[in-house]
N, C-alpha and C. Protein backbone atom coordinates (compact mmCIF):
# COMPACT_ATOMS: atom_id res chain seq x y z
N UNK A 1 32.56 28.44 -59.79
CA UNK A 1 31.90 27.20 -59.67
C UNK A 1 30.45 27.40 -59.90
N UNK A 2 30.03 26.80 -60.93
CA UNK A 2 28.66 26.86 -61.33
C UNK A 2 27.95 25.75 -60.73
N UNK A 3 26.66 25.96 -60.52
CA UNK A 3 25.78 24.83 -59.96
C UNK A 3 24.93 24.28 -61.23
N UNK A 4 24.93 23.12 -61.34
CA UNK A 4 24.22 22.52 -62.52
C UNK A 4 22.74 22.73 -62.15
N UNK A 5 22.09 22.59 -63.43
CA UNK A 5 20.58 22.79 -63.40
C UNK A 5 19.81 21.79 -62.57
N UNK A 6 20.38 20.66 -62.43
CA UNK A 6 19.60 19.48 -61.60
C UNK A 6 19.82 19.79 -60.20
N UNK A 7 21.09 20.23 -59.89
CA UNK A 7 21.33 20.60 -58.49
C UNK A 7 20.52 21.65 -58.01
N UNK A 8 20.43 22.68 -58.95
CA UNK A 8 19.71 23.89 -58.47
C UNK A 8 18.29 23.66 -58.24
N UNK A 9 17.71 22.65 -58.97
CA UNK A 9 16.36 22.22 -58.91
C UNK A 9 16.12 21.48 -57.53
N UNK A 10 17.11 20.72 -57.16
CA UNK A 10 17.07 20.04 -55.79
C UNK A 10 17.05 20.96 -54.74
N UNK A 11 17.92 21.91 -54.78
CA UNK A 11 18.15 23.00 -53.73
C UNK A 11 16.91 23.80 -53.59
N UNK A 12 16.29 24.22 -54.68
CA UNK A 12 14.89 24.90 -54.73
C UNK A 12 13.86 24.18 -53.99
N UNK A 13 13.80 22.82 -54.49
CA UNK A 13 12.85 21.84 -53.76
C UNK A 13 13.05 21.74 -52.23
N UNK A 14 14.27 21.55 -51.77
CA UNK A 14 14.62 21.50 -50.28
C UNK A 14 14.29 22.66 -49.69
N UNK A 15 14.45 23.90 -50.12
CA UNK A 15 14.15 25.14 -49.60
C UNK A 15 12.59 25.32 -49.46
N UNK A 16 11.93 24.96 -50.49
CA UNK A 16 10.42 25.00 -50.44
C UNK A 16 9.91 24.21 -49.33
N UNK A 17 10.49 22.92 -49.26
CA UNK A 17 10.06 21.93 -48.19
C UNK A 17 10.45 22.49 -46.88
N UNK A 18 11.53 22.93 -46.77
CA UNK A 18 12.07 23.54 -45.38
C UNK A 18 11.21 24.75 -44.89
N UNK A 19 10.51 25.34 -45.83
CA UNK A 19 9.65 26.53 -45.44
C UNK A 19 8.20 26.01 -45.08
N UNK A 20 7.85 24.82 -45.98
CA UNK A 20 6.43 24.36 -45.91
C UNK A 20 6.20 23.45 -44.75
N UNK A 21 7.24 22.73 -44.09
CA UNK A 21 7.03 21.84 -42.99
C UNK A 21 6.61 22.65 -41.82
N UNK A 22 7.45 23.61 -41.42
CA UNK A 22 7.14 24.35 -40.04
C UNK A 22 5.62 25.01 -40.09
N UNK A 23 5.35 25.60 -41.43
CA UNK A 23 3.94 26.14 -41.54
C UNK A 23 2.93 25.18 -41.41
N UNK A 24 3.24 23.99 -42.05
CA UNK A 24 2.12 22.85 -41.97
C UNK A 24 1.97 22.24 -40.39
N UNK A 25 3.12 22.38 -39.69
CA UNK A 25 3.05 21.83 -38.39
C UNK A 25 2.33 22.87 -37.47
N UNK A 26 2.41 24.04 -37.77
CA UNK A 26 1.74 25.07 -37.00
C UNK A 26 0.44 25.41 -37.45
N UNK A 27 -0.17 24.88 -38.47
CA UNK A 27 -1.49 25.06 -38.83
C UNK A 27 -2.36 24.52 -37.89
N UNK A 28 -3.30 25.40 -37.43
CA UNK A 28 -4.26 25.02 -36.47
C UNK A 28 -5.45 24.00 -36.96
N UNK A 29 -5.32 22.72 -36.63
CA UNK A 29 -6.45 21.87 -37.04
C UNK A 29 -7.47 21.93 -36.01
N UNK A 30 -8.74 21.67 -36.43
CA UNK A 30 -9.89 21.54 -35.32
C UNK A 30 -9.65 20.38 -34.33
N UNK A 31 -9.55 20.70 -33.21
CA UNK A 31 -9.23 19.73 -32.13
C UNK A 31 -10.54 19.15 -31.44
N UNK A 32 -11.47 20.21 -31.43
CA UNK A 32 -12.76 19.68 -30.57
C UNK A 32 -13.90 19.60 -31.75
N UNK A 33 -14.85 18.68 -31.59
CA UNK A 33 -15.94 18.76 -32.57
C UNK A 33 -16.74 19.73 -32.45
N UNK A 34 -17.53 20.16 -33.47
CA UNK A 34 -18.50 21.23 -33.27
C UNK A 34 -19.62 20.98 -32.31
N UNK A 35 -20.18 22.10 -31.68
CA UNK A 35 -21.23 21.94 -30.75
C UNK A 35 -22.48 21.15 -31.26
N UNK A 36 -22.81 21.25 -32.49
CA UNK A 36 -23.89 20.41 -32.99
C UNK A 36 -23.64 18.92 -33.00
N UNK A 37 -22.36 18.62 -32.90
CA UNK A 37 -22.09 17.19 -33.25
C UNK A 37 -21.68 16.39 -31.94
N UNK A 38 -21.78 17.24 -30.71
CA UNK A 38 -21.49 16.62 -29.48
C UNK A 38 -22.64 15.82 -28.94
N UNK A 39 -22.35 14.62 -28.34
CA UNK A 39 -23.33 13.83 -27.76
C UNK A 39 -23.89 14.38 -26.43
N UNK A 40 -25.05 14.12 -25.99
CA UNK A 40 -25.58 14.60 -24.68
C UNK A 40 -24.78 13.75 -23.55
N UNK A 41 -24.29 14.43 -22.50
CA UNK A 41 -23.66 13.78 -21.47
C UNK A 41 -24.51 13.89 -20.31
N UNK A 42 -24.77 12.88 -19.65
CA UNK A 42 -25.67 12.77 -18.42
C UNK A 42 -24.78 13.14 -17.25
N UNK A 43 -25.44 13.54 -16.12
CA UNK A 43 -24.68 13.91 -14.96
C UNK A 43 -24.45 12.49 -14.22
N UNK A 44 -23.38 12.46 -13.47
CA UNK A 44 -23.02 11.27 -12.63
C UNK A 44 -23.09 11.61 -11.25
N UNK A 45 -23.83 10.96 -10.49
CA UNK A 45 -24.00 11.14 -9.05
C UNK A 45 -22.86 10.45 -8.36
N UNK A 46 -22.24 11.10 -7.32
CA UNK A 46 -21.22 10.24 -6.60
C UNK A 46 -21.91 9.23 -5.68
N UNK A 47 -21.02 8.22 -5.26
CA UNK A 47 -21.72 7.18 -4.45
C UNK A 47 -22.11 7.78 -3.06
N UNK A 48 -22.99 7.15 -2.42
CA UNK A 48 -23.33 7.65 -0.99
C UNK A 48 -22.12 7.41 -0.10
N UNK A 49 -21.89 8.45 0.92
CA UNK A 49 -20.83 8.34 1.87
C UNK A 49 -21.30 7.55 2.94
N UNK A 50 -20.36 6.80 3.49
CA UNK A 50 -20.71 5.83 4.64
C UNK A 50 -20.82 6.78 5.82
N UNK A 51 -21.49 6.28 6.83
CA UNK A 51 -21.76 7.05 8.05
C UNK A 51 -20.43 7.03 8.93
N UNK A 52 -19.86 8.26 9.20
CA UNK A 52 -18.77 8.27 9.88
C UNK A 52 -19.00 8.47 11.47
N UNK A 53 -20.26 8.51 11.98
CA UNK A 53 -20.48 8.83 13.34
C UNK A 53 -19.74 7.77 14.28
N UNK A 54 -19.84 6.53 13.95
CA UNK A 54 -19.23 5.53 15.00
C UNK A 54 -17.54 5.85 15.11
N UNK A 55 -16.93 6.50 14.07
CA UNK A 55 -15.49 6.76 14.16
C UNK A 55 -15.27 7.78 15.24
N UNK A 56 -16.14 8.70 15.42
CA UNK A 56 -16.01 9.58 16.45
C UNK A 56 -16.39 9.17 17.99
N UNK A 57 -17.22 8.17 17.96
CA UNK A 57 -17.51 7.63 19.23
C UNK A 57 -16.59 6.63 19.84
N UNK A 58 -15.68 6.06 19.06
CA UNK A 58 -14.76 5.09 19.46
C UNK A 58 -13.60 5.66 19.93
N UNK A 59 -13.06 5.19 21.22
CA UNK A 59 -11.87 5.89 21.77
C UNK A 59 -10.72 5.75 20.78
N UNK A 60 -9.72 6.63 20.85
CA UNK A 60 -8.60 6.76 19.79
C UNK A 60 -7.67 5.59 19.88
N UNK A 61 -7.19 5.32 21.15
CA UNK A 61 -6.13 4.48 21.29
C UNK A 61 -6.52 3.23 21.96
N UNK A 62 -7.79 2.76 21.76
CA UNK A 62 -8.26 1.46 22.47
C UNK A 62 -8.38 0.57 21.17
N UNK A 63 -7.77 -0.64 21.24
CA UNK A 63 -7.94 -1.53 20.19
C UNK A 63 -9.41 -2.02 19.94
N UNK A 64 -9.84 -2.25 18.83
CA UNK A 64 -11.25 -2.52 18.39
C UNK A 64 -11.45 -4.02 18.90
N UNK A 65 -12.60 -4.43 19.12
CA UNK A 65 -12.98 -5.79 19.60
C UNK A 65 -12.42 -6.84 18.50
N UNK A 66 -12.65 -6.47 17.29
CA UNK A 66 -12.08 -7.48 16.35
C UNK A 66 -10.53 -7.74 16.37
N UNK A 67 -9.78 -6.71 16.95
CA UNK A 67 -8.44 -6.66 17.02
C UNK A 67 -7.94 -7.65 18.15
N UNK A 68 -8.70 -8.04 19.03
CA UNK A 68 -8.28 -8.80 20.14
C UNK A 68 -7.97 -10.25 19.69
N UNK A 69 -7.01 -10.79 20.16
CA UNK A 69 -6.55 -12.10 19.83
C UNK A 69 -7.26 -13.17 20.40
N UNK A 70 -7.62 -14.36 19.88
CA UNK A 70 -8.26 -15.46 20.38
C UNK A 70 -7.60 -15.77 21.83
N UNK A 71 -8.46 -16.46 22.72
CA UNK A 71 -8.08 -16.65 23.99
C UNK A 71 -7.04 -17.82 24.17
N UNK A 72 -6.92 -18.64 23.03
CA UNK A 72 -5.90 -19.65 22.97
C UNK A 72 -4.59 -19.29 22.42
N UNK A 73 -4.58 -17.95 21.98
CA UNK A 73 -3.17 -17.50 21.28
C UNK A 73 -2.19 -17.25 22.38
N UNK A 74 -0.96 -17.52 22.15
CA UNK A 74 0.09 -17.25 23.15
C UNK A 74 0.23 -15.86 23.54
N UNK A 75 0.36 -15.56 24.85
CA UNK A 75 0.57 -14.14 25.28
C UNK A 75 1.96 -13.77 25.07
N UNK A 76 2.11 -12.42 24.61
CA UNK A 76 3.49 -12.06 24.30
C UNK A 76 3.93 -11.24 25.57
N UNK A 77 5.02 -11.80 26.19
CA UNK A 77 5.47 -11.01 27.39
C UNK A 77 6.81 -10.23 27.21
N UNK A 78 7.39 -10.40 26.12
CA UNK A 78 8.64 -9.60 25.71
C UNK A 78 9.19 -10.04 24.44
N UNK A 79 10.12 -9.20 23.98
CA UNK A 79 10.89 -9.46 22.69
C UNK A 79 12.27 -9.15 23.15
N UNK A 80 13.13 -10.03 22.80
CA UNK A 80 14.60 -9.95 22.98
C UNK A 80 15.50 -10.10 21.69
N UNK A 81 16.56 -9.32 21.65
CA UNK A 81 17.46 -9.44 20.41
C UNK A 81 17.22 -8.24 19.51
N UNK A 82 17.64 -8.37 18.30
CA UNK A 82 17.55 -7.44 17.32
C UNK A 82 16.45 -7.82 16.24
N UNK A 83 15.60 -6.85 15.95
CA UNK A 83 14.42 -7.22 15.05
C UNK A 83 15.09 -7.46 13.70
N UNK A 84 14.44 -8.37 12.95
CA UNK A 84 14.99 -8.72 11.59
C UNK A 84 16.34 -9.29 11.54
N UNK A 85 16.80 -9.80 12.68
CA UNK A 85 18.18 -10.38 12.76
C UNK A 85 18.09 -11.61 13.75
N UNK A 86 18.03 -11.41 14.95
CA UNK A 86 18.14 -12.66 15.83
C UNK A 86 17.05 -12.44 16.95
N UNK A 87 16.03 -11.75 16.79
CA UNK A 87 15.02 -11.43 17.83
C UNK A 87 14.18 -12.81 18.16
N UNK A 88 13.98 -12.97 19.53
CA UNK A 88 13.02 -14.02 19.77
C UNK A 88 11.86 -13.46 20.57
N UNK A 89 10.61 -14.20 20.53
CA UNK A 89 9.54 -13.75 21.39
C UNK A 89 9.51 -14.40 22.66
N UNK A 90 9.28 -13.77 23.70
CA UNK A 90 9.04 -14.42 25.03
C UNK A 90 7.57 -14.63 25.28
N UNK A 91 6.96 -15.86 25.24
CA UNK A 91 5.49 -16.07 25.16
C UNK A 91 5.10 -16.76 26.56
N UNK A 92 4.02 -16.46 26.95
CA UNK A 92 3.31 -17.36 28.06
C UNK A 92 2.35 -18.21 27.42
N UNK A 93 2.22 -19.51 27.61
CA UNK A 93 1.21 -20.50 27.18
C UNK A 93 0.19 -20.47 28.07
N UNK A 94 -0.95 -21.24 27.49
CA UNK A 94 -2.27 -21.30 28.25
C UNK A 94 -2.02 -22.09 29.51
N UNK A 95 -1.18 -22.93 29.75
CA UNK A 95 -0.87 -23.74 30.85
C UNK A 95 -0.18 -22.91 31.86
N UNK A 96 0.37 -21.71 31.57
CA UNK A 96 1.09 -20.76 32.52
C UNK A 96 2.65 -20.84 32.26
N UNK A 97 3.12 -21.80 31.62
CA UNK A 97 4.47 -21.91 31.41
C UNK A 97 4.86 -20.97 30.31
N UNK A 98 6.31 -20.58 30.43
CA UNK A 98 6.86 -19.63 29.50
C UNK A 98 7.79 -20.29 28.50
N UNK A 99 8.03 -19.66 27.42
CA UNK A 99 8.93 -20.29 26.25
C UNK A 99 9.33 -19.16 25.29
N UNK A 100 10.42 -19.38 24.67
CA UNK A 100 10.96 -18.50 23.74
C UNK A 100 10.75 -19.10 22.36
N UNK A 101 10.38 -18.19 21.38
CA UNK A 101 10.16 -18.67 20.06
C UNK A 101 10.91 -17.85 19.01
N UNK A 102 11.41 -18.41 18.07
CA UNK A 102 12.08 -17.68 16.87
C UNK A 102 11.12 -17.65 15.82
N UNK A 103 11.30 -16.74 14.95
CA UNK A 103 10.29 -16.64 13.85
C UNK A 103 10.35 -17.95 13.12
N UNK A 104 9.27 -18.44 12.80
CA UNK A 104 9.15 -19.76 12.15
C UNK A 104 8.62 -20.83 13.05
N UNK A 105 8.89 -20.75 14.23
CA UNK A 105 8.61 -21.75 15.30
C UNK A 105 7.17 -21.78 15.66
N UNK A 106 6.70 -22.87 16.14
CA UNK A 106 5.22 -22.90 16.42
C UNK A 106 5.03 -23.39 17.84
N UNK A 107 3.87 -23.10 18.47
CA UNK A 107 3.58 -23.54 19.86
C UNK A 107 1.98 -23.50 19.86
N UNK A 108 1.48 -24.72 20.32
CA UNK A 108 0.05 -24.84 20.44
C UNK A 108 -0.72 -24.60 18.98
N UNK A 109 -0.18 -24.92 17.97
CA UNK A 109 -0.78 -24.60 16.72
C UNK A 109 -0.61 -23.31 16.19
N UNK A 110 0.01 -22.35 16.83
CA UNK A 110 0.20 -21.08 16.42
C UNK A 110 1.67 -20.88 15.94
N UNK A 111 1.74 -20.41 14.69
CA UNK A 111 3.32 -20.20 14.22
C UNK A 111 3.62 -18.70 14.27
N UNK A 112 4.84 -18.40 14.70
CA UNK A 112 5.33 -16.91 14.98
C UNK A 112 5.88 -16.53 13.42
N UNK A 113 4.94 -15.56 12.86
CA UNK A 113 5.36 -15.17 11.57
C UNK A 113 6.43 -14.00 11.60
N UNK A 114 6.14 -12.99 12.38
CA UNK A 114 7.07 -11.64 12.44
C UNK A 114 6.95 -11.24 13.80
N UNK A 115 7.87 -10.20 14.03
CA UNK A 115 7.93 -9.56 15.38
C UNK A 115 8.09 -8.02 15.08
N UNK A 116 7.47 -7.33 15.91
CA UNK A 116 7.63 -5.79 16.08
C UNK A 116 8.09 -5.48 17.43
N UNK A 117 8.32 -4.32 17.65
CA UNK A 117 8.79 -3.72 18.97
C UNK A 117 7.89 -4.21 20.16
N UNK A 118 6.54 -3.96 19.88
CA UNK A 118 5.61 -4.24 20.92
C UNK A 118 4.57 -5.37 20.62
N UNK A 119 4.88 -6.09 19.60
CA UNK A 119 3.84 -7.14 19.22
C UNK A 119 4.42 -8.15 18.38
N UNK A 120 3.63 -9.34 18.43
CA UNK A 120 4.08 -10.55 17.54
C UNK A 120 2.84 -10.87 16.64
N UNK A 121 3.22 -11.27 15.53
CA UNK A 121 2.26 -11.81 14.59
C UNK A 121 2.19 -13.31 14.41
N UNK A 122 1.11 -13.98 14.72
CA UNK A 122 0.95 -15.36 14.71
C UNK A 122 -0.06 -15.83 13.66
N UNK A 123 0.22 -17.04 13.12
CA UNK A 123 -0.80 -17.64 12.22
C UNK A 123 -1.24 -18.93 12.66
N UNK A 124 -2.44 -19.30 12.26
CA UNK A 124 -2.92 -20.66 12.42
C UNK A 124 -3.86 -20.98 11.34
N UNK A 125 -3.27 -21.78 10.23
CA UNK A 125 -4.16 -22.00 9.11
C UNK A 125 -4.28 -20.55 8.31
N UNK A 126 -5.46 -20.09 8.03
CA UNK A 126 -5.63 -18.94 7.39
C UNK A 126 -5.83 -17.81 8.46
N UNK A 127 -5.97 -17.98 9.73
CA UNK A 127 -6.24 -16.88 10.64
C UNK A 127 -4.76 -16.45 10.98
N UNK A 128 -4.79 -15.04 10.96
CA UNK A 128 -3.62 -14.15 11.44
C UNK A 128 -3.93 -13.25 12.44
N UNK A 129 -3.28 -13.22 13.55
CA UNK A 129 -3.57 -12.46 14.65
C UNK A 129 -2.32 -11.49 15.11
N UNK A 130 -2.53 -10.40 15.69
CA UNK A 130 -1.50 -9.63 16.13
C UNK A 130 -1.59 -9.73 17.63
N UNK A 131 -0.70 -10.06 18.38
CA UNK A 131 -0.70 -10.17 19.82
C UNK A 131 0.23 -8.97 20.43
N UNK A 132 -0.40 -8.04 21.05
CA UNK A 132 0.41 -6.93 21.66
C UNK A 132 1.03 -7.60 23.00
N UNK A 133 2.08 -6.90 23.23
CA UNK A 133 2.85 -7.29 24.48
C UNK A 133 2.04 -6.81 25.72
N UNK A 134 2.08 -7.79 26.66
CA UNK A 134 1.16 -7.62 27.77
C UNK A 134 2.01 -6.88 28.94
N UNK A 135 1.58 -6.08 29.76
CA UNK A 135 2.17 -5.51 30.84
C UNK A 135 2.08 -6.47 32.00
N UNK A 136 3.31 -6.81 32.46
CA UNK A 136 3.37 -7.81 33.61
C UNK A 136 3.24 -6.94 34.93
N UNK A 137 2.25 -7.32 35.63
CA UNK A 137 2.03 -6.62 36.86
C UNK A 137 2.78 -7.31 38.00
N UNK A 138 3.53 -6.49 38.91
CA UNK A 138 4.16 -7.19 39.93
C UNK A 138 3.15 -7.83 40.97
N UNK A 139 3.49 -8.98 41.56
CA UNK A 139 2.49 -9.51 42.61
C UNK A 139 2.18 -8.53 43.66
N UNK A 140 0.85 -8.50 44.15
CA UNK A 140 0.67 -7.78 45.24
C UNK A 140 1.18 -8.24 46.46
N UNK A 141 1.47 -7.37 47.40
CA UNK A 141 2.04 -7.69 48.77
C UNK A 141 0.88 -7.82 49.86
């Protein structure tokens, strides 16, 4: 079986191309500009670090003054039920009465947004506060 002249030329061309493509792909092209063409790069100073002295002077497990809820916020006395299902907050109001709240209910203008094991999150307008559970002290004899 003889190969025709046209087919032989195509096979020779394909063979040359098959050898030329890997050689061209591995040819090292200059990736970085020459040193005389580089622009001057100025040094960049990092921003000044904030003072961290107050962090070391504040007690570790005491809430900051900004974290204290407003005096008219309901006081959380307990959480009952399963969180993210049917939990209710047991709150003491400013007049001394107690009430249970479900998520979404309001009392004295404060809306109960969410509950945690030891805290409740209330909102009033744009104000959002975290009210930690208060320890109930037994009456003194």
